[in-house]
All heavy atoms as atom14 arrays in JSON, in Angstrom:
{
  "sequence": "YYKPDLFIIDLNLKLKKKLLLNKILKKRKTYLITKKSNDKKTIFYKK",
  "atom14_mask": [
    [1, 1, 1, 1, 1, 1, 1, 1, 1, 1, 1, 1, 0, 0],
    [1, 1, 1, 1, 1, 1, 1, 1, 1, 1, 1, 1, 0, 0],
    [1, 1, 1, 1, 1, 1, 1, 1, 1, 0, 0, 0, 0, 0],
    [1, 1, 1, 1, 1, 1, 1, 0, 0, 0, 0, 0, 0, 0],
    [1, 1, 1, 1, 1, 1, 1, 1, 0, 0, 0, 0, 0, 0],
    [1, 1, 1, 1, 1, 1, 1, 1, 0, 0, 0, 0, 0, 0],
    [1, 1, 1, 1, 1, 1, 1, 1, 1, 1, 1, 0, 0, 0],
    [1, 1, 1, 1, 1, 1, 1, 1, 0, 0, 0, 0, 0, 0],
    [1, 1, 1, 1, 1, 1, 1, 1, 0, 0, 0, 0, 0, 0],
    [1, 1, 1, 1, 1, 1, 1, 1, 0, 0, 0, 0, 0, 0],
    [1, 1, 1, 1, 1, 1, 1, 1, 0, 0, 0, 0, 0, 0],
    [1, 1, 1, 1, 1, 1, 1, 1, 0, 0, 0, 0, 0, 0],
    [1, 1, 1, 1, 1, 1, 1, 1, 0, 0, 0, 0, 0, 0],
    [1, 1, 1, 1, 1, 1, 1, 1, 1, 0, 0, 0, 0, 0],
    [1, 1, 1, 1, 1, 1, 1, 1, 0, 0, 0, 0, 0, 0],
    [1, 1, 1, 1, 1, 1, 1, 1, 1, 0, 0, 0, 0, 0],
    [1, 1, 1, 1, 1, 1, 1, 1, 1, 0, 0, 0, 0, 0],
    [1, 1, 1, 1, 1, 1, 1, 1, 1, 0, 0, 0, 0, 0],
    [1, 1, 1, 1, 1, 1, 1, 1, 0, 0, 0, 0, 0, 0],
    [1, 1, 1, 1, 1, 1, 1, 1, 0, 0, 0, 0, 0, 0],
    [1, 1, 1, 1, 1, 1, 1, 1, 0, 0, 0, 0, 0, 0],
    [1, 1, 1, 1, 1, 1, 1, 1, 0, 0, 0, 0, 0, 0],
    [1, 1, 1, 1, 1, 1, 1, 1, 1, 0, 0, 0, 0, 0],
    [1, 1, 1, 1, 1, 1, 1, 1, 0, 0, 0, 0, 0, 0],
    [1, 1, 1, 1, 1, 1, 1, 1, 0, 0, 0, 0, 0, 0],
    [1, 1, 1, 1, 1, 1, 1, 1, 1, 0, 0, 0, 0, 0],
    [1, 1, 1, 1, 1, 1, 1, 1, 1, 0, 0, 0, 0, 0],
    [1, 1, 1, 1, 1, 1, 1, 1, 1, 1, 1, 0, 0, 0],
    [1, 1, 1, 1, 1, 1, 1, 1, 1, 0, 0, 0, 0, 0],
    [1, 1, 1, 1, 1, 1, 1, 0, 0, 0, 0, 0, 0, 0],
    [1, 1, 1, 1, 1, 1, 1, 1, 1, 1, 1, 1, 0, 0],
    [1, 1, 1, 1, 1, 1, 1, 1, 0, 0, 0, 0, 0, 0],
    [1, 1, 1, 1, 1, 1, 1, 1, 0, 0, 0, 0, 0, 0],
    [1, 1, 1, 1, 1, 1, 1, 0, 0, 0, 0, 0, 0, 0],
    [1, 1, 1, 1, 1, 1, 1, 1, 1, 0, 0, 0, 0, 0],
    [1, 1, 1, 1, 1, 1, 1, 1, 1, 0, 0, 0, 0, 0],
    [1, 1, 1, 1, 1, 1, 0, 0, 0, 0, 0, 0, 0, 0],
    [1, 1, 1, 1, 1, 1, 1, 1, 0, 0, 0, 0, 0, 0],
    [1, 1, 1, 1, 1, 1, 1, 1, 0, 0, 0, 0, 0, 0],
    [1, 1, 1, 1, 1, 1, 1, 1, 1, 0, 0, 0, 0, 0],
    [1, 1, 1, 1, 1, 1, 1, 1, 1, 0, 0, 0, 0, 0],
    [1, 1, 1, 1, 1, 1, 1, 0, 0, 0, 0, 0, 0, 0],
    [1, 1, 1, 1, 1, 1, 1, 1, 0, 0, 0, 0, 0, 0],
    [1, 1, 1, 1, 1, 1, 1, 1, 1, 1, 1, 0, 0, 0],
    [1, 1, 1, 1, 1, 1, 1, 1, 1, 1, 1, 1, 0, 0],
    [1, 1, 1, 1, 1, 1, 1, 1, 1, 0, 0, 0, 0, 0],
    [1, 1, 1, 1, 1, 1, 1, 1, 1, 0, 0, 0, 0, 0]
  ],
  "atom14_positions": [
    [[0.83, -1.22, 0.0], [0.0, 0.0, 0.0], [0.86, 1.27, 0.0], [0.58, 2.23, 0.7], [-0.98, 0.0, 1.18], [-2.14, -0.93, 0.95], [-2.01, -2.31, 1.08], [-3.37, -0.44, 0.56], [-3.07, -3.17, 0.83], [-4.45, -1.29, 0.32], [-4.28, -2.64, 0.46], [-5.33, -3.49, 0.21], [0.0, 0.0, 0.0], [0.0, 0.0, 0.0]],
    [[1.94, 1.25, -0.78], [2.8, 2.41, -0.93], [1.96, 3.61, -1.36], [1.12, 3.51, -2.26], [3.88, 2.11, -1.96], [4.71, 3.3, -2.39], [5.51, 3.99, -1.49], [4.7, 3.73, -3.72], [6.28, 5.07, -1.89], [5.47, 4.81, -4.12], [6.25, 5.48, -3.2], [7.0, 6.56, -3.61], [0.0, 0.0, 0.0], [0.0, 0.0, 0.0]],
    [[2.17, 4.73, -0.71], [1.38, 5.93, -0.99], [2.29, 7.06, -1.47], [2.88, 7.78, -0.65], [0.64, 6.38, 0.28], [-0.27, 5.33, 0.9], [-0.85, 5.84, 2.21], [-1.65, 4.75, 2.9], [-0.8, 3.61, 3.32], [0.0, 0.0, 0.0], [0.0, 0.0, 0.0], [0.0, 0.0, 0.0], [0.0, 0.0, 0.0], [0.0, 0.0, 0.0]],
    [[2.45, 7.22, -2.78], [3.19, 8.4, -3.25], [2.49, 9.66, -2.74], [1.26, 9.68, -2.58], [3.08, 8.29, -4.78], [2.75, 6.85, -5.05], [1.94, 6.4, -3.89], [0.0, 0.0, 0.0], [0.0, 0.0, 0.0], [0.0, 0.0, 0.0], [0.0, 0.0, 0.0], [0.0, 0.0, 0.0], [0.0, 0.0, 0.0], [0.0, 0.0, 0.0]],
    [[3.25, 10.7, -2.46], [2.64, 11.95, -2.02], [1.68, 12.46, -3.1], [1.8, 12.1, -4.28], [3.7, 12.98, -1.7], [4.5, 12.61, -0.44], [4.03, 11.73, 0.32], [5.58, 13.17, -0.23], [0.0, 0.0, 0.0], [0.0, 0.0, 0.0], [0.0, 0.0, 0.0], [0.0, 0.0, 0.0], [0.0, 0.0, 0.0], [0.0, 0.0, 0.0]],
    [[0.74, 13.3, -2.68], [-0.38, 13.65, -3.56], [-0.49, 15.16, -3.75], [-0.41, 15.93, -2.79], [-1.67, 13.1, -2.95], [-2.98, 13.31, -3.7], [-2.92, 12.66, -5.08], [-4.14, 12.72, -2.9], [0.0, 0.0, 0.0], [0.0, 0.0, 0.0], [0.0, 0.0, 0.0], [0.0, 0.0, 0.0], [0.0, 0.0, 0.0], [0.0, 0.0, 0.0]],
    [[-0.66, 15.57, -5.01], [-0.93, 16.96, -5.36], [-2.33, 17.04, -5.98], [-2.62, 16.33, -6.94], [0.1, 17.49, -6.36], [1.48, 17.63, -5.78], [2.39, 16.58, -5.85], [1.87, 18.82, -5.17], [3.67, 16.72, -5.32], [3.14, 18.95, -4.62], [4.04, 17.91, -4.7], [0.0, 0.0, 0.0], [0.0, 0.0, 0.0], [0.0, 0.0, 0.0]],
    [[-3.17, 17.91, -5.43], [-4.54, 18.04, -5.91], [-4.76, 19.45, -6.44], [-4.61, 20.43, -5.71], [-5.56, 17.76, -4.78], [-5.33, 16.37, -4.19], [-6.99, 17.88, -5.31], [-6.14, 16.1, -2.93], [0.0, 0.0, 0.0], [0.0, 0.0, 0.0], [0.0, 0.0, 0.0], [0.0, 0.0, 0.0], [0.0, 0.0, 0.0], [0.0, 0.0, 0.0]],
    [[-5.11, 19.55, -7.73], [-5.45, 20.84, -8.33], [-6.87, 21.19, -7.88], [-7.83, 20.49, -8.22], [-5.39, 20.79, -9.87], [-4.03, 20.26, -10.35], [-5.7, 22.17, -10.45], [-2.87, 21.16, -10.07], [0.0, 0.0, 0.0], [0.0, 0.0, 0.0], [0.0, 0.0, 0.0], [0.0, 0.0, 0.0], [0.0, 0.0, 0.0], [0.0, 0.0, 0.0]],
    [[-7.0, 22.27, -7.11], [-8.31, 22.66, -6.56], [-8.34, 24.19, -6.46], [-8.35, 24.76, -5.37], [-8.5, 22.01, -5.18], [-9.92, 22.17, -4.66], [-10.8, 22.56, -5.45], [-10.13, 21.91, -3.46], [0.0, 0.0, 0.0], [0.0, 0.0, 0.0], [0.0, 0.0, 0.0], [0.0, 0.0, 0.0], [0.0, 0.0, 0.0], [0.0, 0.0, 0.0]],
    [[-8.37, 24.84, -7.6], [-8.22, 26.3, -7.65], [-9.3, 27.03, -6.85], [-9.05, 28.09, -6.28], [-8.21, 26.78, -9.1], [-7.05, 26.29, -9.97], [-7.12, 26.92, -11.35], [-5.71, 26.57, -9.32], [0.0, 0.0, 0.0], [0.0, 0.0, 0.0], [0.0, 0.0, 0.0], [0.0, 0.0, 0.0], [0.0, 0.0, 0.0], [0.0, 0.0, 0.0]],
    [[-10.5, 26.46, -6.79], [-11.6, 27.12, -6.09], [-11.98, 26.43, -4.78], [-13.02, 26.72, -4.19], [-12.82, 27.21, -7.01], [-12.55, 28.05, -8.24], [-12.08, 29.18, -8.14], [-12.8, 27.48, -9.42], [0.0, 0.0, 0.0], [0.0, 0.0, 0.0], [0.0, 0.0, 0.0], [0.0, 0.0, 0.0], [0.0, 0.0, 0.0], [0.0, 0.0, 0.0]],
    [[-11.11, 25.54, -4.31], [-11.31, 24.8, -3.05], [-12.7, 24.18, -2.95], [-13.5, 24.5, -2.08], [-11.03, 25.71, -1.85], [-9.55, 26.06, -1.64], [-9.37, 26.96, -0.44], [-8.71, 24.81, -1.47], [0.0, 0.0, 0.0], [0.0, 0.0, 0.0], [0.0, 0.0, 0.0], [0.0, 0.0, 0.0], [0.0, 0.0, 0.0], [0.0, 0.0, 0.0]],
    [[-12.95, 23.24, -3.87], [-14.22, 22.52, -3.88], [-14.06, 21.06, -3.43], [-14.99, 20.26, -3.58], [-14.82, 22.56, -5.29], [-15.26, 23.96, -5.7], [-15.97, 23.95, -7.04], [-16.46, 25.34, -7.42], [-17.17, 25.33, -8.72], [0.0, 0.0, 0.0], [0.0, 0.0, 0.0], [0.0, 0.0, 0.0], [0.0, 0.0, 0.0], [0.0, 0.0, 0.0]],
    [[-12.9, 20.71, -2.89], [-12.68, 19.35, -2.42], [-13.64, 19.04, -1.28], [-13.78, 19.82, -0.34], [-11.23, 19.18, -1.94], [-10.75, 17.76, -1.7], [-10.62, 17.01, -3.02], [-9.41, 17.77, -0.98], [0.0, 0.0, 0.0], [0.0, 0.0, 0.0], [0.0, 0.0, 0.0], [0.0, 0.0, 0.0], [0.0, 0.0, 0.0], [0.0, 0.0, 0.0]],
    [[-14.3, 17.89, -1.38], [-15.28, 17.51, -0.36], [-14.6, 17.32, 1.0], [-13.45, 16.89, 1.08], [-16.01, 16.23, -0.77], [-16.95, 16.41, -1.94], [-17.63, 15.1, -2.3], [-18.58, 15.26, -3.47], [-19.22, 13.97, -3.85], [0.0, 0.0, 0.0], [0.0, 0.0, 0.0], [0.0, 0.0, 0.0], [0.0, 0.0, 0.0], [0.0, 0.0, 0.0]],
    [[-15.34, 17.6, 2.06], [-14.79, 17.5, 3.41], [-14.79, 16.06, 3.92], [-14.01, 15.72, 4.81], [-15.58, 18.4, 4.36], [-15.49, 19.87, 3.99], [-16.34, 20.75, 4.9], [-16.26, 22.21, 4.48], [-17.1, 23.08, 5.33], [0.0, 0.0, 0.0], [0.0, 0.0, 0.0], [0.0, 0.0, 0.0], [0.0, 0.0, 0.0], [0.0, 0.0, 0.0]],
    [[-15.67, 15.22, 3.38], [-15.75, 13.83, 3.82], [-15.26, 12.91, 2.7], [-16.03, 12.46, 1.86], [-17.18, 13.46, 4.22], [-17.68, 14.22, 5.44], [-19.08, 13.77, 5.84], [-19.55, 14.51, 7.09], [-20.92, 14.09, 7.5], [0.0, 0.0, 0.0], [0.0, 0.0, 0.0], [0.0, 0.0, 0.0], [0.0, 0.0, 0.0], [0.0, 0.0, 0.0]],
    [[-13.96, 12.65, 2.71], [-13.33, 11.78, 1.72], [-12.46, 10.75, 2.42], [-11.95, 11.0, 3.51], [-12.46, 12.6, 0.76], [-13.17, 13.56, -0.19], [-12.15, 14.49, -0.85], [-13.95, 12.8, -1.26], [0.0, 0.0, 0.0], [0.0, 0.0, 0.0], [0.0, 0.0, 0.0], [0.0, 0.0, 0.0], [0.0, 0.0, 0.0], [0.0, 0.0, 0.0]],
    [[-12.26, 9.61, 1.79], [-11.41, 8.57, 2.37], [-9.99, 9.06, 2.59], [-9.37, 8.76, 3.61], [-11.4, 7.34, 1.46], [-12.7, 6.53, 1.37], [-12.56, 5.43, 0.32], [-13.05, 5.92, 2.72], [0.0, 0.0, 0.0], [0.0, 0.0, 0.0], [0.0, 0.0, 0.0], [0.0, 0.0, 0.0], [0.0, 0.0, 0.0], [0.0, 0.0, 0.0]],
    [[-9.47, 9.85, 1.67], [-8.08, 10.29, 1.81], [-7.89, 11.27, 2.97], [-6.79, 11.43, 3.47], [-7.54, 10.85, 0.5], [-8.1, 12.13, -0.08], [-7.43, 13.36, 0.52], [-7.89, 12.14, -1.59], [0.0, 0.0, 0.0], [0.0, 0.0, 0.0], [0.0, 0.0, 0.0], [0.0, 0.0, 0.0], [0.0, 0.0, 0.0], [0.0, 0.0, 0.0]],
    [[-8.97, 11.92, 3.41], [-8.85, 12.81, 4.57], [-8.47, 12.05, 5.84], [-7.95, 12.64, 6.79], [-10.16, 13.56, 4.81], [-10.43, 14.61, 3.75], [-9.52, 15.0, 3.02], [-11.67, 15.05, 3.64], [0.0, 0.0, 0.0], [0.0, 0.0, 0.0], [0.0, 0.0, 0.0], [0.0, 0.0, 0.0], [0.0, 0.0, 0.0], [0.0, 0.0, 0.0]],
    [[-8.74, 10.74, 5.84], [-8.46, 9.92, 7.03], [-7.0, 9.48, 7.11], [-6.57, 8.98, 8.15], [-9.36, 8.69, 7.04], [-10.86, 9.02, 7.09], [-11.7, 7.75, 7.04], [-13.19, 8.08, 7.08], [-14.03, 6.85, 7.0], [0.0, 0.0, 0.0], [0.0, 0.0, 0.0], [0.0, 0.0, 0.0], [0.0, 0.0, 0.0], [0.0, 0.0, 0.0]],
    [[-6.25, 9.67, 6.02], [-4.85, 9.21, 6.02], [-3.87, 10.35, 5.76], [-2.74, 10.12, 5.35], [-4.64, 8.09, 4.96], [-4.97, 8.59, 3.56], [-5.45, 6.86, 5.31], [-4.54, 7.65, 2.46], [0.0, 0.0, 0.0], [0.0, 0.0, 0.0], [0.0, 0.0, 0.0], [0.0, 0.0, 0.0], [0.0, 0.0, 0.0], [0.0, 0.0, 0.0]],
    [[-4.3, 11.58, 6.0], [-3.45, 12.74, 5.72], [-2.18, 12.73, 6.56], [-1.16, 13.28, 6.14], [-4.22, 14.04, 5.95], [-5.34, 14.32, 4.94], [-6.11, 15.56, 5.34], [-4.77, 14.49, 3.54], [0.0, 0.0, 0.0], [0.0, 0.0, 0.0], [0.0, 0.0, 0.0], [0.0, 0.0, 0.0], [0.0, 0.0, 0.0], [0.0, 0.0, 0.0]],
    [[-2.23, 12.11, 7.73], [-1.04, 12.06, 8.59], [-0.02, 11.04, 8.09], [1.12, 11.04, 8.55], [-1.45, 11.73, 10.03], [-2.28, 12.82, 10.7], [-2.64, 12.44, 12.13], [-3.46, 13.54, 12.79], [-3.83, 13.18, 14.19], [0.0, 0.0, 0.0], [0.0, 0.0, 0.0], [0.0, 0.0, 0.0], [0.0, 0.0, 0.0], [0.0, 0.0, 0.0]],
    [[-0.43, 10.17, 7.16], [0.45, 9.11, 6.68], [1.1, 9.43, 5.33], [1.94, 8.68, 4.86], [-0.34, 7.8, 6.57], [-0.87, 7.31, 7.9], [-1.63, 6.01, 7.74], [-2.16, 5.5, 9.07], [-2.9, 4.22, 8.93], [0.0, 0.0, 0.0], [0.0, 0.0, 0.0], [0.0, 0.0, 0.0], [0.0, 0.0, 0.0], [0.0, 0.0, 0.0]],
    [[0.7, 10.53, 4.7], [1.31, 10.93, 3.43], [1.18, 12.44, 3.27], [0.22, 13.04, 3.75], [0.66, 10.22, 2.24], [-0.7, 10.8, 1.87], [-1.54, 9.92, 1.01], [-1.04, 9.74, -0.33], [-1.78, 9.2, -1.33], [-3.03, 8.81, -1.11], [-1.27, 9.04, -2.52], [0.0, 0.0, 0.0], [0.0, 0.0, 0.0], [0.0, 0.0, 0.0]],
    [[2.12, 13.05, 2.61], [2.02, 14.48, 2.35], [1.02, 14.71, 1.23], [1.11, 14.09, 0.17], [3.38, 15.04, 1.96], [4.39, 15.11, 3.09], [5.69, 15.72, 2.63], [6.71, 15.77, 3.76], [8.02, 16.32, 3.29], [0.0, 0.0, 0.0], [0.0, 0.0, 0.0], [0.0, 0.0, 0.0], [0.0, 0.0, 0.0], [0.0, 0.0, 0.0]],
    [[0.07, 15.59, 1.47], [-0.95, 15.89, 0.48], [-1.06, 17.41, 0.32], [-1.27, 18.13, 1.29], [-2.31, 15.31, 0.89], [-2.17, 13.91, 1.13], [-3.35, 15.53, -0.2], [0.0, 0.0, 0.0], [0.0, 0.0, 0.0], [0.0, 0.0, 0.0], [0.0, 0.0, 0.0], [0.0, 0.0, 0.0], [0.0, 0.0, 0.0], [0.0, 0.0, 0.0]],
    [[-0.89, 17.86, -0.91], [-0.86, 19.29, -1.2], [-2.13, 19.69, -1.96], [-2.56, 18.99, -2.88], [0.34, 19.65, -2.07], [1.68, 19.37, -1.44], [2.25, 18.09, -1.47], [2.42, 20.39, -0.83], [3.49, 17.84, -0.91], [3.66, 20.14, -0.26], [4.19, 18.86, -0.31], [5.42, 18.62, 0.25], [0.0, 0.0, 0.0], [0.0, 0.0, 0.0]],
    [[-2.7, 20.85, -1.59], [-3.78, 21.46, -2.36], [-3.2, 22.64, -3.12], [-2.58, 23.53, -2.53], [-4.89, 21.94, -1.43], [-5.9, 20.9, -0.92], [-6.97, 21.59, -0.1], [-6.54, 20.14, -2.06], [0.0, 0.0, 0.0], [0.0, 0.0, 0.0], [0.0, 0.0, 0.0], [0.0, 0.0, 0.0], [0.0, 0.0, 0.0], [0.0, 0.0, 0.0]],
    [[-3.42, 22.64, -4.41], [-2.95, 23.74, -5.26], [-4.14, 24.63, -5.56], [-5.1, 24.2, -6.22], [-2.32, 23.19, -6.55], [-1.12, 22.3, -6.19], [-1.91, 24.32, -7.48], [-0.64, 21.43, -7.32], [0.0, 0.0, 0.0], [0.0, 0.0, 0.0], [0.0, 0.0, 0.0], [0.0, 0.0, 0.0], [0.0, 0.0, 0.0], [0.0, 0.0, 0.0]],
    [[-4.12, 25.85, -5.06], [-5.28, 26.73, -5.15], [-4.88, 28.16, -5.44], [-3.7, 28.52, -5.38], [-6.11, 26.65, -3.85], [-7.33, 27.35, -4.02], [-5.35, 27.23, -2.68], [0.0, 0.0, 0.0], [0.0, 0.0, 0.0], [0.0, 0.0, 0.0], [0.0, 0.0, 0.0], [0.0, 0.0, 0.0], [0.0, 0.0, 0.0], [0.0, 0.0, 0.0]],
    [[-5.87, 29.0, -5.75], [-5.61, 30.4, -6.08], [-5.31, 31.2, -4.82], [-5.81, 30.93, -3.73], [-6.82, 31.01, -6.79], [-7.04, 30.49, -8.19], [-8.23, 31.18, -8.82], [-8.47, 30.69, -10.24], [-9.65, 31.35, -10.86], [0.0, 0.0, 0.0], [0.0, 0.0, 0.0], [0.0, 0.0, 0.0], [0.0, 0.0, 0.0], [0.0, 0.0, 0.0]],
    [[-4.52, 32.24, -4.98], [-4.17, 33.09, -3.86], [-5.39, 33.79, -3.28], [-5.41, 34.15, -2.1], [-3.12, 34.11, -4.29], [-1.76, 33.49, -4.57], [-0.71, 34.52, -4.89], [0.65, 33.85, -5.09], [1.72, 34.82, -5.39], [0.0, 0.0, 0.0], [0.0, 0.0, 0.0], [0.0, 0.0, 0.0], [0.0, 0.0, 0.0], [0.0, 0.0, 0.0]],
    [[-6.42, 33.98, -4.09], [-7.64, 34.65, -3.61], [-8.42, 33.8, -2.61], [-9.35, 34.28, -1.98], [-8.54, 35.0, -4.8], [-8.91, 33.83, -5.51], [0.0, 0.0, 0.0], [0.0, 0.0, 0.0], [0.0, 0.0, 0.0], [0.0, 0.0, 0.0], [0.0, 0.0, 0.0], [0.0, 0.0, 0.0], [0.0, 0.0, 0.0], [0.0, 0.0, 0.0]],
    [[-8.03, 32.53, -2.46], [-8.74, 31.62, -1.55], [-8.09, 31.54, -0.17], [-8.37, 30.62, 0.59], [-8.78, 30.2, -2.15], [-9.65, 30.14, -3.39], [-10.64, 30.84, -3.47], [-9.27, 29.33, -4.34], [0.0, 0.0, 0.0], [0.0, 0.0, 0.0], [0.0, 0.0, 0.0], [0.0, 0.0, 0.0], [0.0, 0.0, 0.0], [0.0, 0.0, 0.0]],
    [[-7.23, 32.5, 0.17], [-6.44, 32.41, 1.4], [-7.3, 32.12, 2.64], [-6.92, 31.31, 3.48], [-5.65, 33.7, 1.63], [-4.44, 33.75, 0.69], [-4.2, 32.75, 0.01], [-3.76, 34.79, 0.66], [0.0, 0.0, 0.0], [0.0, 0.0, 0.0], [0.0, 0.0, 0.0], [0.0, 0.0, 0.0], [0.0, 0.0, 0.0], [0.0, 0.0, 0.0]],
    [[-8.46, 32.75, 2.76], [-9.28, 32.55, 3.96], [-9.85, 31.13, 4.03], [-10.02, 30.58, 5.12], [-10.43, 33.57, 3.97], [-9.97, 35.0, 4.19], [-11.15, 35.96, 4.23], [-10.68, 37.39, 4.45], [-11.81, 38.35, 4.46], [0.0, 0.0, 0.0], [0.0, 0.0, 0.0], [0.0, 0.0, 0.0], [0.0, 0.0, 0.0], [0.0, 0.0, 0.0]],
    [[-10.14, 30.55, 2.88], [-10.71, 29.2, 2.84], [-9.68, 28.13, 3.2], [-10.04, 27.0, 3.54], [-11.27, 28.9, 1.45], [-12.49, 29.72, 1.07], [-12.98, 29.28, -0.31], [-14.19, 30.06, -0.75], [-14.68, 29.63, -2.08], [0.0, 0.0, 0.0], [0.0, 0.0, 0.0], [0.0, 0.0, 0.0], [0.0, 0.0, 0.0], [0.0, 0.0, 0.0]],
    [[-8.4, 28.46, 3.06], [-7.37, 27.44, 3.27], [-7.22, 27.02, 4.73], [-6.66, 25.96, 5.01], [-6.01, 27.94, 2.78], [-5.62, 29.1, 3.53], [-6.05, 28.28, 1.3], [0.0, 0.0, 0.0], [0.0, 0.0, 0.0], [0.0, 0.0, 0.0], [0.0, 0.0, 0.0], [0.0, 0.0, 0.0], [0.0, 0.0, 0.0], [0.0, 0.0, 0.0]],
    [[-7.7, 27.83, 5.65], [-7.53, 27.54, 7.08], [-8.12, 26.19, 7.45], [-7.5, 25.38, 8.15], [-8.15, 28.65, 7.95], [-7.41, 29.97, 7.7], [-8.1, 28.28, 9.43], [-8.05, 31.16, 8.4], [0.0, 0.0, 0.0], [0.0, 0.0, 0.0], [0.0, 0.0, 0.0], [0.0, 0.0, 0.0], [0.0, 0.0, 0.0], [0.0, 0.0, 0.0]],
    [[-9.33, 25.91, 6.95], [-9.99, 24.63, 7.25], [-9.16, 23.45, 6.73], [-8.95, 22.47, 7.44], [-11.39, 24.6, 6.64], [-12.04, 23.25, 6.71], [-12.64, 22.82, 7.88], [-12.03, 22.39, 5.62], [-13.23, 21.56, 7.95], [-12.62, 21.14, 5.69], [-13.22, 20.73, 6.86], [0.0, 0.0, 0.0], [0.0, 0.0, 0.0], [0.0, 0.0, 0.0]],
    [[-8.67, 23.57, 5.49], [-7.92, 22.47, 4.89], [-6.57, 22.28, 5.58], [-6.09, 21.15, 5.72], [-7.74, 22.71, 3.4], [-9.04, 22.6, 2.62], [-9.77, 23.73, 2.29], [-9.54, 21.35, 2.26], [-10.96, 23.62, 1.59], [-10.73, 21.23, 1.55], [-11.44, 22.38, 1.23], [-12.62, 22.26, 0.56], [0.0, 0.0, 0.0], [0.0, 0.0, 0.0]],
    [[-5.96, 23.36, 6.01], [-4.71, 23.26, 6.76], [-4.91, 22.5, 8.06], [-4.08, 21.68, 8.47], [-4.14, 24.65, 7.06], [-3.44, 25.3, 5.88], [-2.84, 26.63, 6.3], [-2.07, 27.28, 5.16], [-1.49, 28.58, 5.57], [0.0, 0.0, 0.0], [0.0, 0.0, 0.0], [0.0, 0.0, 0.0], [0.0, 0.0, 0.0], [0.0, 0.0, 0.0]],
    [[-6.04, 22.76, 8.74], [-6.33, 22.06, 9.99], [-6.55, 20.58, 9.76], [-6.23, 19.75, 10.63], [-7.56, 22.69, 10.65], [-7.3, 24.07, 11.26], [-8.55, 24.61, 11.94], [-8.26, 25.96, 12.6], [-9.47, 26.53, 13.24], [0.0, 0.0, 0.0], [0.0, 0.0, 0.0], [0.0, 0.0, 0.0], [0.0, 0.0, 0.0], [0.0, 0.0, 0.0]]
  ]
}
């Protein structure tokens, strides 16, 4: 179950909050690529 790190293109931060990969974020580095205008929305995803 090797897990390469993950990059997700999500310019408008529409990634669902209840996903299987959200449960394993501590086991692999996962990056969200988003627009600078979304700075306020990023707080939830950072947490």
